[in-house]
Amino acid sequence: MRPADPRKLTAIMEAVLHTIAEYGYQGSSVSRIAQQAGVSDGYLYRHFPGKHALFDHLYVYHHGKLYDYLENRLEESDSLTDFLLLLLGYLVQLSQAQPAVFDYLFIHGHRPGAPAPTEMLERHRAFTRKIRDKGVASGELHERLDGERISLMLFALPVRLIRMRGQ
């Protein structure tokens, strides 16, 4: 098999983002994605066994970049409050600079029928534990606060506010 053309793979990933934004997870097909990317269905299938593999690849790629960034900022932050301010600024900037990525990360990637890959769920849980530990150690969070509430505080509420601001 010939090696993948990086430009075509980039076009495919962009097409996945835009196809999901326009048609949703269920309405996105391999043919639709291939057509938007300017490649044949066969080319796409040579590199991804199907639609779910495409979505998993995109999910892991973008969430991996997000967590890499956030984990570094958490370690560099003197307090959880400082980290939360950085996070909010980052989310606003991402929503303005890359709206399709923002929507995929926080809206389309979390809809029913769009399951998250296990590796990313584990990474999310580990990240929320780090946040909890830092917040408890600094006295900024109560020790009974669980991962779900931390996720709401970090992502769900800010994302909702950013989306309301953009409407």
Foldseek 3Di string as FASTA:
>chain_A
DDDDDVLLVVLLLVLLLVQCVVQNLVRDFLCSSCVSSVHHSVSVCVPAVTSLRSLQVSQCVLLVVVLVVLVVLLVVDPALVVSLVVLLVVLLVCCVPPVSSSCCNAPRCPDPVNDHDPVSVVSLQVVLVSSLVRCVVVVNDDNPDHSVVSCCVRHVVSSVVSVVVVD
